[in-house]
C-alpha atoms as a PDB file:
ATOM      1  CA  MET A   1     -10.746 -16.729  -5.330  1.00  0.00           C
ATOM      2  CA  ILE A   2     -11.416 -16.135  -1.639  1.00  0.00           C
ATOM      3  CA  ARG A   3     -14.414 -14.076  -0.528  1.00  0.00           C
ATOM      4  CA  ILE A   4     -13.758 -11.480   2.164  1.00  0.00           C
ATOM      5  CA  PRO A   5     -16.343  -9.609   4.271  1.00  0.00           C
ATOM      6  CA  PRO A   6     -15.485  -5.908   3.739  1.00  0.00           C
ATOM      7  CA  GLY A   7     -15.588  -5.185   7.465  1.00  0.00           C
ATOM      8  CA  GLN A   8     -12.900  -7.770   8.230  1.00  0.00           C
ATOM      9  CA  ILE A   9     -10.078  -6.538   6.010  1.00  0.00           C
ATOM     10  CA  GLY A  10      -7.403  -3.893   6.552  1.00  0.00           C
ATOM     11  CA  PHE A  11      -4.871  -2.345   4.211  1.00  0.00           C
ATOM     12  CA  ASP A  12      -1.280  -1.249   4.114  1.00  0.00           C
ATOM     13  CA  PHE A  13      -0.847   2.211   2.559  1.00  0.00           C
ATOM     14  CA  ASP A  14       2.346   2.533   0.495  1.00  0.00           C
ATOM     15  CA  GLY A  15       2.492   0.018  -2.322  1.00  0.00           C
ATOM     16  CA  VAL A  16      -1.144  -0.997  -1.850  1.00  0.00           C
ATOM     17  CA  ILE A  17      -3.161   2.231  -1.880  1.00  0.00           C
ATOM     18  CA  ALA A  18      -0.503   4.783  -2.824  1.00  0.00           C
ATOM     19  CA  ASP A  19       1.876   4.315  -5.752  1.00  0.00           C
ATOM     20  CA  ILE A  20       5.120   4.998  -3.958  1.00  0.00           C
ATOM     21  CA  GLY A  21       7.098   3.046  -6.562  1.00  0.00           C
ATOM     22  CA  GLU A  22       6.211   5.425  -9.384  1.00  0.00           C
ATOM     23  CA  THR A  23       6.973   8.359  -7.117  1.00  0.00           C
ATOM     24  CA  PHE A  24      10.346   6.935  -6.093  1.00  0.00           C
ATOM     25  CA  ILE A  25      11.394   6.316  -9.700  1.00  0.00           C
ATOM     26  CA  ARG A  26      10.256   9.798 -10.775  1.00  0.00           C
ATOM     27  CA  LEU A  27      11.947  11.655  -7.902  1.00  0.00           C
ATOM     28  CA  ALA A  28      15.144   9.636  -8.326  1.00  0.00           C
ATOM     29  CA  CYS A  29      15.317  11.077 -11.844  1.00  0.00           C
ATOM     30  CA  THR A  30      13.993  14.614 -11.454  1.00  0.00           C
ATOM     31  CA  GLU A  31      15.596  15.399  -8.084  1.00  0.00           C
ATOM     32  CA  HIS A  32      18.736  13.243  -8.065  1.00  0.00           C
ATOM     33  CA  GLY A  33      19.636  12.509 -11.696  1.00  0.00           C
ATOM     34  CA  TYR A  34      19.129   8.734 -11.634  1.00  0.00           C
ATOM     35  CA  CYS A  35      17.060   8.464 -14.804  1.00  0.00           C
ATOM     36  CA  SER A  36      17.799   4.931 -16.032  1.00  0.00           C
ATOM     37  CA  LEU A  37      15.683   3.175 -13.397  1.00  0.00           C
ATOM     38  CA  ASP A  38      12.753   0.918 -14.155  1.00  0.00           C
ATOM     39  CA  LEU A  39      10.099  -0.215 -11.690  1.00  0.00           C
ATOM     40  CA  ASN A  40      10.618  -3.853 -12.648  1.00  0.00           C
ATOM     41  CA  SER A  41      14.239  -3.551 -11.569  1.00  0.00           C
ATOM     42  CA  ILE A  42      13.040  -3.261  -7.973  1.00  0.00           C
ATOM     43  CA  THR A  43      13.210  -6.931  -7.117  1.00  0.00           C
ATOM     44  CA  THR A  44      13.508  -6.659  -3.338  1.00  0.00           C
ATOM     45  CA  PHE A  45      11.612  -4.651  -0.735  1.00  0.00           C
ATOM     46  CA  GLN A  46      14.909  -3.095   0.371  1.00  0.00           C
ATOM     47  CA  VAL A  47      15.384  -0.875  -2.671  1.00  0.00           C
ATOM     48  CA  GLU A  48      19.040  -0.119  -1.963  1.00  0.00           C
ATOM     49  CA  GLU A  49      19.841  -3.831  -2.343  1.00  0.00           C
ATOM     50  CA  CYS A  50      18.774  -3.994  -5.987  1.00  0.00           C
ATOM     51  CA  LEU A  51      19.331  -0.486  -7.387  1.00  0.00           C
ATOM     52  CA  ASP A  52      22.648   1.239  -7.958  1.00  0.00           C
ATOM     53  CA  ILE A  53      21.765   4.279  -5.860  1.00  0.00           C
ATOM     54  CA  PRO A  54      23.528   5.375  -2.651  1.00  0.00           C
ATOM     55  CA  PHE A  55      21.710   4.436   0.517  1.00  0.00           C
ATOM     56  CA  GLU A  56      21.644   8.081   1.583  1.00  0.00           C
ATOM     57  CA  THR A  57      19.835   9.035  -1.627  1.00  0.00           C
ATOM     58  CA  VAL A  58      17.289   6.236  -1.231  1.00  0.00           C
ATOM     59  CA  THR A  59      16.631   7.363   2.335  1.00  0.00           C
ATOM     60  CA  ARG A  60      16.235  11.008   1.258  1.00  0.00           C
ATOM     61  CA  ILE A  61      13.737  10.149  -1.469  1.00  0.00           C
ATOM     62  CA  PHE A  62      11.561   8.067   0.824  1.00  0.00           C
ATOM     63  CA  GLN A  63      11.777  10.655   3.593  1.00  0.00           C
ATOM     64  CA  ASP A  64      10.590  13.359   1.194  1.00  0.00           C
ATOM     65  CA  ILE A  65       7.620  11.201   0.182  1.00  0.00           C
ATOM     66  CA  LEU A  66       6.675  10.269   3.737  1.00  0.00           C
ATOM     67  CA  THR A  67       6.942  13.859   4.947  1.00  0.00           C
ATOM     68  CA  ASP A  68       4.874  15.462   2.181  1.00  0.00           C
ATOM     69  CA  SER A  69       2.997  12.896   0.141  1.00  0.00           C
ATOM     70  CA  ILE A  70       0.931  15.480  -1.743  1.00  0.00           C
ATOM     71  CA  SER A  71       3.691  17.832  -2.886  1.00  0.00           C
ATOM     72  CA  THR A  72       5.876  14.933  -4.024  1.00  0.00           C
ATOM     73  CA  GLY A  73       3.044  13.833  -6.327  1.00  0.00           C
ATOM     74  CA  LEU A  74       2.281  10.487  -4.684  1.00  0.00           C
ATOM     75  CA  LYS A  75      -0.585   9.063  -6.744  1.00  0.00           C
ATOM     76  CA  PRO A  76      -3.233   6.453  -5.891  1.00  0.00           C
ATOM     77  CA  ILE A  77      -2.871   2.994  -7.355  1.00  0.00           C
ATOM     78  CA  ALA A  78      -5.596   2.570  -9.960  1.00  0.00           C
ATOM     79  CA  GLY A  79      -8.947   1.648  -8.446  1.00  0.00           C
ATOM     80  CA  ALA A  80      -7.937   2.251  -4.823  1.00  0.00           C
ATOM     81  CA  VAL A  81      -9.857   5.490  -4.340  1.00  0.00           C
ATOM     82  CA  GLU A  82     -13.037   4.110  -5.908  1.00  0.00           C
ATOM     83  CA  THR A  83     -12.959   0.896  -3.895  1.00  0.00           C
ATOM     84  CA  LEU A  84     -12.196   2.611  -0.594  1.00  0.00           C
ATOM     85  CA  GLY A  85     -15.058   5.012  -1.255  1.00  0.00           C
ATOM     86  CA  ARG A  86     -17.535   2.188  -1.816  1.00  0.00           C
ATOM     87  CA  MET A  87     -16.236   0.325   1.227  1.00  0.00           C
ATOM     88  CA  SER A  88     -16.489   3.377   3.473  1.00  0.00           C
ATOM     89  CA  GLU A  89     -20.199   3.708   2.649  1.00  0.00           C
ATOM     90  CA  ARG A  90     -20.832   0.210   4.035  1.00  0.00           C
ATOM     91  CA  THR A  91     -18.342  -0.426   6.801  1.00  0.00           C
ATOM     92  CA  ASP A  92     -15.329   0.831   8.714  1.00  0.00           C
ATOM     93  CA  VAL A  93     -12.131   1.038   6.653  1.00  0.00           C
ATOM     94  CA  THR A  94      -8.798   0.596   8.420  1.00  0.00           C
ATOM     95  CA  ILE A  95      -5.352   1.418   7.089  1.00  0.00           C
ATOM     96  CA  ILE A  96      -2.368   0.213   9.106  1.00  0.00           C
ATOM     97  CA  THR A  97       0.908   1.707   7.926  1.00  0.00           C
ATOM     98  CA  ALA A  98       4.467   1.366   9.174  1.00  0.00           C
ATOM     99  CA  ARG A  99       4.903   5.099   8.623  1.00  0.00           C
ATOM    100  CA  PRO A 100       5.796   6.830  11.897  1.00  0.00           C
ATOM    101  CA  GLU A 101       3.666   9.886  11.054  1.00  0.00           C
ATOM    102  CA  ILE A 102       0.064   9.457   9.905  1.00  0.00           C
ATOM    103  CA  GLU A 103      -0.910  13.083   9.290  1.00  0.00           C
ATOM    104  CA  PRO A 104       0.563  13.072   5.743  1.00  0.00           C
ATOM    105  CA  VAL A 105      -1.536   9.967   5.056  1.00  0.00           C
ATOM    106  CA  ARG A 106      -4.692  11.637   6.352  1.00  0.00           C
ATOM    107  CA  GLU A 107      -3.985  14.713   4.241  1.00  0.00           C
ATOM    108  CA  TRP A 108      -3.384  12.531   1.186  1.00  0.00           C
ATOM    109  CA  LEU A 109      -6.661  10.652   1.725  1.00  0.00           C
ATOM    110  CA  ALA A 110      -8.609  13.905   2.051  1.00  0.00           C
ATOM    111  CA  PHE A 111      -6.962  15.225  -1.112  1.00  0.00           C
ATOM    112  CA  HIS A 112      -7.544  12.135  -3.269  1.00  0.00           C
ATOM    113  CA  CYS A 113     -10.657  10.539  -1.737  1.00  0.00           C
ATOM    114  CA  GLY A 114     -12.414  13.694  -0.555  1.00  0.00           C
ATOM    115  CA  PRO A 115     -12.908  14.865   3.046  1.00  0.00           C
ATOM    116  CA  GLU A 116     -16.111  12.890   3.650  1.00  0.00           C
ATOM    117  CA  THR A 117     -14.584   9.568   2.631  1.00  0.00           C
ATOM    118  CA  ALA A 118     -11.341  10.345   4.472  1.00  0.00           C
ATOM    119  CA  GLU A 119     -13.239  10.974   7.693  1.00  0.00           C
ATOM    120  CA  ARG A 120     -14.658   7.440   7.498  1.00  0.00           C
ATOM    121  CA  ILE A 121     -11.207   5.869   7.192  1.00  0.00           C
ATOM    122  CA  THR A 122      -9.162   5.004  10.288  1.00  0.00           C
ATOM    123  CA  VAL A 123      -5.395   5.384   9.864  1.00  0.00           C
ATOM    124  CA  VAL A 124      -3.107   3.601  12.338  1.00  0.00           C
ATOM    125  CA  SER A 125       0.679   3.737  12.593  1.00  0.00           C
ATOM    126  CA  SER A 126       2.404   0.534  13.641  1.00  0.00           C
ATOM    127  CA  GLY A 127       5.755   2.310  13.392  1.00  0.00           C
ATOM    128  CA  ASP A 128       7.338  -0.974  12.333  1.00  0.00           C
ATOM    129  CA  HIS A 129       6.699  -3.321   9.400  1.00  0.00           C
ATOM    130  CA  ASP A 130       7.023  -6.273  11.784  1.00  0.00           C
ATOM    131  CA  ASP A 131       4.528  -5.002  14.355  1.00  0.00           C
ATOM    132  CA  LYS A 132       1.275  -4.907  12.413  1.00  0.00           C
ATOM    133  CA  GLU A 133      -0.328  -8.043  13.864  1.00  0.00           C
ATOM    134  CA  ARG A 134      -1.363  -6.506  17.180  1.00  0.00           C
ATOM    135  CA  TYR A 135      -3.006  -3.533  15.475  1.00  0.00           C
ATOM    136  CA  ILE A 136      -4.825  -5.806  13.075  1.00  0.00           C
ATOM    137  CA  ARG A 137      -6.196  -7.760  16.035  1.00  0.00           C
ATOM    138  CA  GLN A 138      -7.061  -4.588  17.962  1.00  0.00           C
ATOM    139  CA  HIS A 139      -9.320  -3.596  15.081  1.00  0.00           C
ATOM    140  CA  ASP A 140     -10.910  -7.061  14.852  1.00  0.00           C
ATOM    141  CA  LEU A 141      -9.616  -7.745  11.351  1.00  0.00           C
ATOM    142  CA  ALA A 142      -9.010 -11.213   9.974  1.00  0.00           C
ATOM    143  CA  TYR A 143      -7.566 -10.248   6.565  1.00  0.00           C
ATOM    144  CA  PHE A 144      -4.848  -7.775   5.626  1.00  0.00           C
ATOM    145  CA  VAL A 145      -3.498  -6.579   2.279  1.00  0.00           C
ATOM    146  CA  ASP A 146       0.210  -5.752   2.140  1.00  0.00           C
ATOM    147  CA  ASP A 147       2.921  -5.741  -0.509  1.00  0.00           C
ATOM    148  CA  ARG A 148       5.739  -6.728   1.856  1.00  0.00           C
ATOM    149  CA  VAL A 149       6.115 -10.500   1.725  1.00  0.00           C
ATOM    150  CA  HIS A 150       7.779 -10.824   5.121  1.00  0.00           C
ATOM    151  CA  THR A 151       4.867  -9.037   6.780  1.00  0.00           C
ATOM    152  CA  CYS A 152       2.378 -11.317   5.024  1.00  0.00           C
ATOM    153  CA  VAL A 153       4.278 -14.448   6.046  1.00  0.00           C
ATOM    154  CA  GLN A 154       4.325 -13.251   9.670  1.00  0.00           C
ATOM    155  CA  LEU A 155       0.570 -12.657   9.600  1.00  0.00           C
ATOM    156  CA  ALA A 156      -0.084 -16.093   8.097  1.00  0.00           C
ATOM    157  CA  GLU A 157       2.032 -17.737  10.789  1.00  0.00           C
ATOM    158  CA  ALA A 158      -0.008 -15.835  13.394  1.00  0.00           C
ATOM    159  CA  GLY A 159      -3.262 -17.302  12.082  1.00  0.00           C
ATOM    160  CA  LEU A 160      -4.449 -14.277  10.101  1.00  0.00           C
ATOM    161  CA  THR A 161      -5.120 -14.284   6.362  1.00  0.00           C
ATOM    162  CA  PRO A 162      -2.810 -11.990   4.394  1.00  0.00           C
ATOM    163  CA  VAL A 163      -3.366 -11.002   0.779  1.00  0.00           C
ATOM    164  CA  VAL A 164      -0.224  -9.972  -1.088  1.00  0.00           C
ATOM    165  CA  PHE A 165      -0.683  -6.984  -3.380  1.00  0.00           C
ATOM    166  CA  SER A 166       1.438  -8.036  -6.333  1.00  0.00           C
ATOM    167  CA  GLN A 167       4.436  -5.843  -7.065  1.00  0.00           C
ATOM    168  CA  PRO A 168       7.775  -6.482  -8.811  1.00  0.00           C
ATOM    169  CA  TRP A 169       9.528  -6.804  -5.448  1.00  0.00           C
ATOM    170  CA  ASN A 170       7.302  -9.622  -4.190  1.00  0.00           C
ATOM    171  CA  ARG A 171       6.563 -11.726  -7.263  1.00  0.00           C
ATOM    172  CA  GLY A 172       7.735 -15.322  -7.132  1.00  0.00           C
ATOM    173  CA  GLN A 173       8.615 -15.031  -3.442  1.00  0.00           C
ATOM    174  CA  HIS A 174       5.556 -16.595  -1.810  1.00  0.00           C
ATOM    175  CA  ASP A 175       2.640 -18.995  -2.188  1.00  0.00           C
ATOM    176  CA  LEU A 176       0.090 -16.838  -0.369  1.00  0.00           C
ATOM    177  CA  ALA A 177      -3.164 -15.459  -1.749  1.00  0.00           C
ATOM    178  CA  SER A 178      -2.451 -12.415  -3.917  1.00  0.00           C
ATOM    179  CA  VAL A 179      -4.134  -9.827  -6.115  1.00  0.00           C
ATOM    180  CA  GLU A 180      -2.865  -7.965  -9.157  1.00  0.00           C
ATOM    181  CA  SER A 181      -5.190  -4.971  -8.904  1.00  0.00           C
ATOM    182  CA  TRP A 182      -7.902  -3.203  -6.962  1.00  0.00           C
ATOM    183  CA  GLY A 183     -10.405  -4.540  -9.443  1.00  0.00           C
ATOM    184  CA  GLU A 184      -9.506  -8.029  -8.269  1.00  0.00           C
ATOM    185  CA  LEU A 185      -9.728  -6.917  -4.646  1.00  0.00           C
ATOM    186  CA  SER A 186     -13.156  -5.413  -5.262  1.00  0.00           C
ATOM    187  CA  THR A 187     -14.337  -8.744  -6.626  1.00  0.00           C
ATOM    188  CA  MET A 188     -13.064 -10.522  -3.502  1.00  0.00           C
ATOM    189  CA  LEU A 189     -14.979  -8.015  -1.378  1.00  0.00           C
ATOM    190  CA  GLU A 190     -18.123  -8.428  -3.506  1.00  0.00           C
ATOM    191  CA  LEU A 191     -18.643  -4.672  -3.587  1.00  0.00           C
ATOM    192  CA  GLY A 192     -20.172  -4.576  -7.049  1.00  0.00           C
ATOM    193  CA  GLY A 193     -19.317  -2.059  -9.741  1.00  0.00           C
ATOM    194  CA  GLU A 194     -16.078  -1.918 -11.678  1.00  0.00           C
ATOM    195  CA  ASN A 195     -12.775  -0.141 -11.343  1.00  0.00           C
ATOM    196  CA  ARG A 196     -12.321   0.988 -14.908  1.00  0.00           C
ATOM    197  CA  SER A 197      -8.794   2.293 -14.449  1.00  0.00           C
ATOM    198  CA  PRO A 198      -6.075  -0.128 -15.575  1.00  0.00           C
ATOM    199  CA  ALA A 199      -4.063  -1.900 -12.904  1.00  0.00           C
ATOM    200  CA  HIS A 200      -0.977   0.036 -11.831  1.00  0.00           C
ATOM    201  CA  ASN A 201       1.875  -0.907  -9.588  1.00  0.00           C
ATOM    202  CA  SER A 202       4.221   0.808  -7.159  1.00  0.00           C
ATOM    203  CA  THR A 203       6.959   0.413  -4.193  1.00  0.00           C
ATOM    204  CA  THR A 204       6.408   0.447  -0.472  1.00  0.00           C
ATOM    205  CA  ARG A 205       7.855   1.709   2.707  1.00  0.00           C
END
């Protein structure tokens, strides 16, 4: 297992910190009537390619989540809040998301992590899944956790060290360093303490 200085790592948001997969599956059922879906059926990052749901419906669900992450019930992935809290007491924490709007992310962090922790977390929008490298370098990071394999491969080719957060849509698609949970990430970061919540997975945008 690699050891990572806490001040040198950044994080994607959806699918790494926030459980957008659970939220997508739940809203697909409760709001749109698609109730036979299972998270493990999401085998590609582009959800519409592996689920029998109209593209317009997929887009609407994700747009609802990105616009109002609190009201749609977007939950933290187990252990994320605790680990980010411990990190923020020691060093800067940077989240780089492809979301075009970061205010819903800031509101979500304040809601789930508490205002004091949220104020110590920097949130950056790359606006594009394929444009994260320059923001990672701007913030002097050498490591980055993401659940999108293509992003991680790009970062590796650019000389950075990606860590894939394991999800159904990225398993078996890479040979990069990966983690199954925030407990495993915490061990890499040598933060001490334990994340007692069981590992939980999600989808990303």
